[in-house]
């Protein structure tokens, strides 16, 4: 394993640094929303567009990777993300802020489709565990960003500016990682999308994005003070990170769809706890489940759909459909859901998905 790490050190460094910044950028959308609502006199539905457009941009980036993925390397993704956060840092208007969200999302999607398959293939049998490590580092940025946001006086422009500078610094050091190839090492299966696992992925990523993007607003509605809501989002991502670190040691030993099913089920129980008992405690606890959603889905889908170059963008794109649609549906409902209505809705949806996953366990074996 040490030899593999040395051989792919440039890829691992660039991937880790990029995913930290991806986590930081995404995590800022939640605490920034209440600020934008005040500054630009927005309704909650209009503010939800900010979260959704991040994933629209991400979908566009993944779509570009589907068509031209062989031409794209780490530096391209980093440059696009830096441009998007730079535009948001300008803070000169709501339309420009939305445009920055789209551009950052495009780079985010490109980075996901660049790094995940390269790391999976580079580390062979330990690929699922290293994929969990890579995605765990996303949590580092997601934990730090809300705390930095509060430290900088809850100022989105300054915080997005810090992320833009960090992305540019990573870009300067990421050159060698671009030489890591993505060609399959064995026979390539015909490209056949598996619509069932793609649907499970769309649902799970939609839930993850809604918790991170709309969770702080839901907590504020439940009586949590605004600064405290940002701190709870940071705690959510601490638990998220711990769950992904734990996957490093078990992801290659447990069937990935079993992990997915456990994650969906425990998230349903936590959402119920948030609705009935403590929104703060159980929202943070849901971070553990959310941390398992993507790795469980991605590894299952990769095993079922093969190594064709179109597979990684397709897997990511399916998740993005959920990420785009779910906040657009849930955000306008926040005003009429009552103090804890958001958590009741999430609990019901996750409960239904858990039943579907249990019924699909045999079919999802890889």
Protein backbone atom coordinates (compact mmCIF):
# COMPACT_ATOMS: atom_id res chain seq x y z
CA UNK A 1 0.00 0.00 0.00
CA UNK A 2 2.85 2.41 0.81
CA UNK A 3 4.30 1.79 -2.66
CA UNK A 4 0.95 2.60 -4.25
CA UNK A 5 0.68 5.82 -2.26
CA UNK A 6 4.19 6.87 -3.29
CA UNK A 7 3.50 6.01 -6.93
CA UNK A 8 0.32 8.09 -6.99
CA UNK A 9 1.31 10.82 -4.52
CA UNK A 10 0.62 13.69 -6.96
CA UNK A 11 -2.87 12.38 -7.74
CA UNK A 12 -3.63 11.86 -4.07
CA UNK A 13 -2.40 15.33 -3.06
CA UNK A 14 -4.34 17.09 -5.81
CA UNK A 15 -7.46 15.04 -5.07
CA UNK A 16 -7.35 15.65 -1.33
CA UNK A 17 -6.74 19.40 -1.68
CA UNK A 18 -9.48 19.72 -4.29
CA UNK A 19 -12.04 17.81 -2.27
CA UNK A 20 -11.28 19.92 0.81
CA UNK A 21 -12.09 23.02 -1.22
CA UNK A 22 -15.18 21.40 -2.73
CA UNK A 23 -16.43 20.69 0.78
CA UNK A 24 -15.68 24.23 1.89
CA UNK A 25 -17.44 25.79 -1.08
CA UNK A 26 -20.57 23.64 -0.80
CA UNK A 27 -20.82 24.07 2.98
CA UNK A 28 -20.85 27.87 2.63
CA UNK A 29 -24.11 27.80 0.68
CA UNK A 30 -26.17 26.88 3.76
CA UNK A 31 -25.03 29.64 6.18
CA UNK A 32 -24.85 32.19 3.33
CA UNK A 33 -28.54 31.74 2.48
CA UNK A 34 -30.02 33.69 5.44
CA UNK A 35 -27.54 36.53 4.74
CA UNK A 36 -28.60 36.71 1.08
CA UNK A 37 -32.27 36.63 2.07
CA UNK A 38 -31.68 39.81 4.12
CA UNK A 39 -29.26 41.57 1.76
CA UNK A 40 -31.22 41.01 -1.45
CA UNK A 41 -34.76 40.94 0.08
CA UNK A 42 -35.43 37.41 -1.18
CA UNK A 43 -38.20 34.95 -0.48
CA UNK A 44 -37.11 31.53 0.76
CA UNK A 45 -38.06 30.03 -2.60
CA UNK A 46 -35.81 32.52 -4.41
CA UNK A 47 -32.97 31.81 -1.99
CA UNK A 48 -33.37 28.07 -2.62
CA UNK A 49 -32.49 28.80 -6.26
CA UNK A 50 -28.93 29.54 -5.06
CA UNK A 51 -28.54 25.97 -3.78
CA UNK A 52 -30.21 24.45 -6.83
CA UNK A 53 -28.06 26.39 -9.32
CA UNK A 54 -24.90 25.04 -7.72
CA UNK A 55 -26.07 21.61 -8.84
CA UNK A 56 -27.30 22.83 -12.21
CA UNK A 57 -23.74 24.00 -12.82
CA UNK A 58 -22.43 20.71 -11.52
CA UNK A 59 -24.70 18.86 -13.95
CA UNK A 60 -23.37 20.97 -16.81
CA UNK A 61 -19.78 20.20 -15.76
CA UNK A 62 -20.49 16.48 -15.62
CA UNK A 63 -22.23 16.66 -18.99
CA UNK A 64 -19.12 18.24 -20.45
CA UNK A 65 -17.05 15.44 -18.92
CA UNK A 66 -19.35 12.87 -20.58
CA UNK A 67 -18.54 14.35 -23.98
CA UNK A 68 -14.93 15.55 -23.51
CA UNK A 69 -13.76 13.83 -20.33
CA UNK A 70 -10.57 12.47 -21.87
CA UNK A 71 -9.36 16.05 -22.43
CA UNK A 72 -10.00 17.29 -18.88
CA UNK A 73 -7.52 17.12 -16.00
CA UNK A 74 -7.35 18.37 -12.41
CA UNK A 75 -6.17 21.87 -13.31
CA UNK A 76 -9.14 22.52 -15.58
CA UNK A 77 -11.57 21.69 -12.77
CA UNK A 78 -9.65 23.78 -10.24
CA UNK A 79 -9.58 26.81 -12.54
CA UNK A 80 -13.34 26.70 -13.10
CA UNK A 81 -14.06 26.36 -9.36
CA UNK A 82 -11.73 29.26 -8.58
CA UNK A 83 -13.53 31.42 -11.15
CA UNK A 84 -16.92 30.62 -9.62
CA UNK A 85 -15.92 31.38 -6.03
CA UNK A 86 -14.18 34.53 -7.23
CA UNK A 87 -17.40 35.77 -8.83
CA UNK A 88 -19.37 35.03 -5.64
CA UNK A 89 -16.73 36.84 -3.61
CA UNK A 90 -17.42 40.03 -5.56
CA UNK A 91 -20.88 40.14 -3.95
CA UNK A 92 -22.10 42.81 -6.37
CA UNK A 93 -25.64 41.52 -6.91
CA UNK A 94 -27.95 38.54 -6.72
CA UNK A 95 -27.77 37.68 -10.43
CA UNK A 96 -23.96 37.69 -10.38
CA UNK A 97 -23.99 35.59 -7.22
CA UNK A 98 -26.21 33.02 -8.94
CA UNK A 99 -23.87 33.03 -11.95
CA UNK A 100 -20.93 32.34 -9.64
CA UNK A 101 -22.83 29.42 -8.11
CA UNK A 102 -23.32 27.91 -11.57
CA UNK A 103 -19.64 28.30 -12.50
CA UNK A 104 -18.41 26.88 -9.20
CA UNK A 105 -20.84 23.99 -9.64
CA UNK A 106 -19.46 23.25 -13.11
CA UNK A 107 -15.94 22.96 -11.73
CA UNK A 108 -17.25 20.85 -8.85
CA UNK A 109 -18.86 18.40 -11.28
CA UNK A 110 -15.73 18.23 -13.40
CA UNK A 111 -13.57 17.54 -10.33
CA UNK A 112 -15.86 14.74 -9.15
CA UNK A 113 -15.70 13.01 -12.53
CA UNK A 114 -11.93 13.59 -12.80
CA UNK A 115 -10.75 12.31 -9.43
CA UNK A 116 -13.13 9.50 -8.39
CA UNK A 117 -12.43 7.09 -11.27
CA UNK A 118 -8.68 7.86 -11.28
CA UNK A 119 -8.34 7.06 -7.59
CA UNK A 120 -10.52 3.94 -7.86
CA UNK A 121 -8.36 2.54 -10.67
CA UNK A 122 -5.00 3.67 -9.31
CA UNK A 123 -5.41 1.75 -6.04
CA UNK A 124 -6.85 -1.48 -7.43
CA UNK A 125 -8.46 -3.72 -4.80
CA UNK A 126 -8.13 -0.96 -2.20
CA UNK A 127 -9.86 1.47 -4.55
CA UNK A 128 -13.17 1.61 -2.58
CA UNK A 129 -11.30 2.42 0.64
CA UNK A 130 -9.18 5.11 -1.03
CA UNK A 131 -12.32 6.51 -2.63
CA UNK A 132 -13.74 6.80 0.90
CA UNK A 133 -10.55 8.55 2.02
CA UNK A 134 -10.74 11.00 -0.86
CA UNK A 135 -14.38 11.79 -0.19
CA UNK A 136 -13.72 11.98 3.56
CA UNK A 137 -11.43 14.95 2.99
CA UNK A 138 -14.46 16.76 1.56
CA UNK A 139 -15.64 16.84 5.18
CA UNK A 140 -12.53 18.71 6.34
CA UNK A 141 -13.43 21.73 4.22
CA UNK A 142 -17.11 21.39 5.06
CA UNK A 143 -16.31 21.49 8.79
CA UNK A 144 -13.97 24.45 8.57
CA UNK A 145 -15.98 26.64 6.19
CA UNK A 146 -18.96 27.46 8.48
CA UNK A 147 -16.56 28.25 11.34
CA UNK A 148 -14.47 30.53 9.11
CA UNK A 149 -17.73 32.10 7.91
CA UNK A 150 -18.66 33.02 11.50
CA UNK A 151 -15.09 34.17 12.26
CA UNK A 152 -15.23 36.51 9.27
CA UNK A 153 -18.40 38.10 10.60
CA UNK A 154 -20.83 35.95 8.59
CA UNK A 155 -19.62 37.67 5.42
CA UNK A 156 -20.13 35.49 2.30
CA UNK A 157 -17.91 37.70 0.10
CA UNK A 158 -14.86 37.38 2.33
CA UNK A 159 -15.35 33.65 2.90
CA UNK A 160 -15.83 32.79 -0.77
CA UNK A 161 -12.74 34.92 -1.47
CA UNK A 162 -10.66 32.78 0.90
CA UNK A 163 -11.83 29.63 -0.93
CA UNK A 164 -10.96 31.18 -4.31
CA UNK A 165 -7.40 31.94 -3.17
CA UNK A 166 -6.97 28.40 -1.79
CA UNK A 167 -8.17 26.91 -5.10
CA UNK A 168 -5.66 28.99 -7.05
CA UNK A 169 -2.89 27.84 -4.70
CA UNK A 170 -3.88 24.20 -5.31
CA UNK A 171 -3.95 24.84 -9.07
CA UNK A 172 -0.28 25.89 -9.02
CA UNK A 173 0.73 22.53 -7.45
CA UNK A 174 -1.62 20.17 -9.30
CA UNK A 175 0.27 19.81 -12.59
CA UNK A 176 1.78 16.32 -12.08
CA UNK A 177 -1.63 14.84 -11.20
CA UNK A 178 -2.81 15.53 -14.74
CA UNK A 179 -0.46 12.84 -16.04
CA UNK A 180 -2.37 10.11 -14.17
CA UNK A 181 -4.36 8.24 -16.82
CA UNK A 182 -7.95 7.04 -16.67
CA UNK A 183 -7.74 4.15 -19.12
CA UNK A 184 -9.26 0.86 -17.85
CA UNK A 185 -6.79 -1.90 -16.98
CA UNK A 186 -8.92 -4.79 -18.26
CA UNK A 187 -11.83 -5.60 -20.60
CA UNK A 188 -14.47 -2.90 -20.76
CA UNK A 189 -18.12 -3.93 -20.35
CA UNK A 190 -20.69 -2.48 -22.77
CA UNK A 191 -22.16 0.77 -21.51
CA UNK A 192 -25.53 -0.14 -19.96
CA UNK A 193 -26.98 2.31 -17.42
CA UNK A 194 -28.61 0.61 -14.43
CA UNK A 195 -31.63 2.82 -13.81
CA UNK A 196 -32.44 1.38 -10.38
CA UNK A 197 -29.10 2.22 -8.76
CA UNK A 198 -29.07 5.58 -10.54
CA UNK A 199 -32.48 6.35 -8.99
CA UNK A 200 -31.21 5.39 -5.54
CA UNK A 201 -28.23 7.68 -6.08
CA UNK A 202 -30.39 10.60 -7.22
CA UNK A 203 -32.49 10.28 -4.09
CA UNK A 204 -29.55 9.98 -1.67
CA UNK A 205 -27.59 12.91 -3.07
CA UNK A 206 -30.76 15.00 -3.12
CA UNK A 207 -31.18 14.28 0.60
CA UNK A 208 -27.52 15.09 1.34
CA UNK A 209 -27.70 18.40 -0.50
CA UNK A 210 -31.00 19.36 1.13
CA UNK A 211 -29.64 18.66 4.62
CA UNK A 212 -26.50 20.73 4.01
CA UNK A 213 -28.15 23.53 2.02
CA UNK A 214 -31.53 23.87 3.72
CA UNK A 215 -30.68 22.41 7.12
CA UNK A 216 -29.49 25.69 8.69
CA UNK A 217 -32.68 27.46 7.59
CA UNK A 218 -34.78 24.58 8.97
CA UNK A 219 -32.90 24.77 12.28
CA UNK A 220 -33.51 28.52 12.50
CA UNK A 221 -37.23 27.89 11.93
CA UNK A 222 -37.13 25.35 14.75
CA UNK A 223 -35.84 28.04 17.13
CA UNK A 224 -32.06 27.76 16.77
CA UNK A 225 -30.14 31.06 16.70
CA UNK A 226 -28.53 31.87 13.33
CA UNK A 227 -24.89 31.67 14.44
CA UNK A 228 -25.64 28.47 16.31
CA UNK A 229 -27.17 27.00 13.14
CA UNK A 230 -23.87 27.59 11.30
CA UNK A 231 -21.98 25.89 14.13
CA UNK A 232 -24.36 22.93 14.01
CA UNK A 233 -23.75 22.62 10.27
CA UNK A 234 -20.04 22.45 11.02
CA UNK A 235 -20.73 19.74 13.62
CA UNK A 236 -22.86 17.90 11.02
CA UNK A 237 -19.81 17.75 8.77
CA UNK A 238 -17.55 16.64 11.65
CA UNK A 239 -19.76 13.57 12.04
CA UNK A 240 -19.91 13.29 8.22
CA UNK A 241 -16.10 13.20 8.12
CA UNK A 242 -15.83 10.63 10.91
CA UNK A 243 -18.22 8.33 9.05
CA UNK A 244 -16.17 8.54 5.88
CA UNK A 245 -12.93 7.96 7.77
CA UNK A 246 -14.53 4.86 9.26
CA UNK A 247 -15.36 3.65 5.75
CA UNK A 248 -11.64 3.56 4.94
CA UNK A 249 -11.37 0.49 7.17
CA UNK A 250 -14.58 -1.32 6.17
CA UNK A 251 -15.57 -0.22 2.64
CA UNK A 252 -13.60 -3.08 1.02
CA UNK A 253 -15.14 -5.63 3.42
CA UNK A 254 -18.87 -4.81 3.33
CA UNK A 255 -21.10 -4.86 0.26
CA UNK A 256 -21.51 -1.23 -0.82
CA UNK A 257 -25.29 -1.37 -1.21
CA UNK A 258 -25.59 -2.80 2.30
CA UNK A 259 -23.73 0.30 3.50
CA UNK A 260 -26.09 2.47 1.44
CA UNK A 261 -29.17 0.80 2.94
CA UNK A 262 -27.90 1.17 6.51
CA UNK A 263 -27.14 4.85 5.86
CA UNK A 264 -30.62 5.59 4.47
CA UNK A 265 -32.29 3.74 7.34
CA UNK A 266 -30.34 5.46 10.10
CA UNK A 267 -30.92 8.83 8.46
CA UNK A 268 -34.67 8.17 8.55
CA UNK A 269 -34.47 7.43 12.29
CA UNK A 270 -32.42 10.59 12.92
CA UNK A 271 -34.85 12.74 10.94
CA UNK A 272 -37.67 11.33 13.07
CA UNK A 273 -35.65 12.17 16.18
CA UNK A 274 -35.18 15.72 14.91
CA UNK A 275 -38.93 16.08 14.36
CA UNK A 276 -39.95 14.60 17.72
CA UNK A 277 -37.08 15.36 20.10
CA UNK A 278 -34.12 17.64 19.33
CA UNK A 279 -33.57 19.20 15.89
CA UNK A 280 -30.01 20.23 16.84
CA UNK A 281 -28.83 16.85 18.15
CA UNK A 282 -30.39 14.68 15.47
CA UNK A 283 -29.50 17.02 12.61
CA UNK A 284 -25.84 16.64 13.60
CA UNK A 285 -26.28 12.86 13.94
CA UNK A 286 -27.60 12.68 10.37
CA UNK A 287 -24.13 13.72 9.24
CA UNK A 288 -22.92 10.15 9.83
CA UNK A 289 -25.54 8.74 7.48
CA UNK A 290 -24.98 11.44 4.86
CA UNK A 291 -21.27 10.64 4.84
CA UNK A 292 -22.00 7.11 3.61
CA UNK A 293 -24.57 7.98 0.91
CA UNK A 294 -22.20 8.79 -1.95
CA UNK A 295 -19.49 6.11 -1.42
CA UNK A 296 -22.11 3.37 -1.05
CA UNK A 297 -23.89 4.54 -4.19
CA UNK A 298 -20.80 5.22 -6.31
CA UNK A 299 -19.11 1.86 -5.64
CA UNK A 300 -22.35 -0.07 -6.24
CA UNK A 301 -23.03 1.77 -9.49
CA UNK A 302 -19.44 1.34 -10.70
CA UNK A 303 -19.59 -2.40 -10.02
CA UNK A 304 -22.86 -2.79 -11.89
CA UNK A 305 -22.12 -0.51 -14.85
CA UNK A 306 -18.44 -1.21 -15.60
CA UNK A 307 -15.45 0.86 -16.68
CA UNK A 308 -16.61 2.58 -19.85
CA UNK A 309 -15.44 6.22 -19.78
CA UNK A 310 -19.08 7.35 -19.79
CA UNK A 311 -19.89 5.52 -16.55
CA UNK A 312 -18.41 7.97 -13.96
CA UNK A 313 -20.12 11.05 -15.46
CA UNK A 314 -23.39 9.11 -15.66
CA UNK A 315 -23.15 8.06 -12.01
CA UNK A 316 -22.43 11.61 -10.90
CA UNK A 317 -25.08 13.09 -13.22
CA UNK A 318 -27.80 10.90 -11.71
CA UNK A 319 -26.92 12.17 -8.25
CA UNK A 320 -27.01 15.72 -9.55
CA UNK A 321 -30.55 15.29 -10.83
CA UNK A 322 -31.57 14.69 -7.22
CA UNK A 323 -29.36 17.53 -6.00
CA UNK A 324 -31.02 19.98 -8.38
CA UNK A 325 -34.63 18.89 -8.03
CA UNK A 326 -34.86 18.19 -4.29
CA UNK A 327 -33.97 21.69 -2.97
CA UNK A 328 -36.24 23.26 -5.59
CA UNK A 329 -39.13 21.19 -4.27
CA UNK A 330 -38.37 21.51 -0.55
CA UNK A 331 -37.19 25.16 -0.29
CA UNK A 332 -40.54 26.79 -1.23
CA UNK A 333 -42.31 24.48 1.25
CA UNK A 334 -40.22 25.59 4.23
CA UNK A 335 -42.46 28.54 5.00
CA UNK A 336 -45.58 26.37 5.31
CA UNK A 337 -44.09 23.33 7.03
CA UNK A 338 -44.18 24.65 10.58
CA UNK A 339 -41.29 24.69 13.01
CA UNK A 340 -40.20 21.07 12.41
CA UNK A 341 -42.05 20.23 9.22
CA UNK A 342 -38.83 19.95 7.22
CA UNK A 343 -37.67 17.06 9.39
CA UNK A 344 -41.05 15.30 9.17
CA UNK A 345 -40.89 15.41 5.36
CA UNK A 346 -37.29 14.17 5.32
CA UNK A 347 -38.15 11.33 7.73
CA UNK A 348 -41.05 10.18 5.53
CA UNK A 349 -39.02 10.23 2.32
CA UNK A 350 -36.06 8.43 3.87
CA UNK A 351 -38.36 5.82 5.41
CA UNK A 352 -39.89 4.99 2.03
CA UNK A 353 -36.42 4.80 0.44
CA UNK A 354 -35.24 2.42 3.17
CA UNK A 355 -38.07 0.00 2.38
CA UNK A 356 -37.21 0.17 -1.34
CA UNK A 357 -33.51 -0.45 -0.61
CA UNK A 358 -34.24 -3.47 1.59
CA UNK A 359 -36.36 -4.97 -1.18
CA UNK A 360 -33.52 -4.38 -3.68
CA UNK A 361 -30.59 -5.83 -1.69
CA UNK A 362 -30.30 -9.04 -3.71
CA UNK A 363 -30.52 -7.25 -7.07
CA UNK A 364 -27.85 -4.71 -6.06
CA UNK A 365 -25.12 -7.24 -5.30
CA UNK A 366 -21.84 -6.54 -7.16
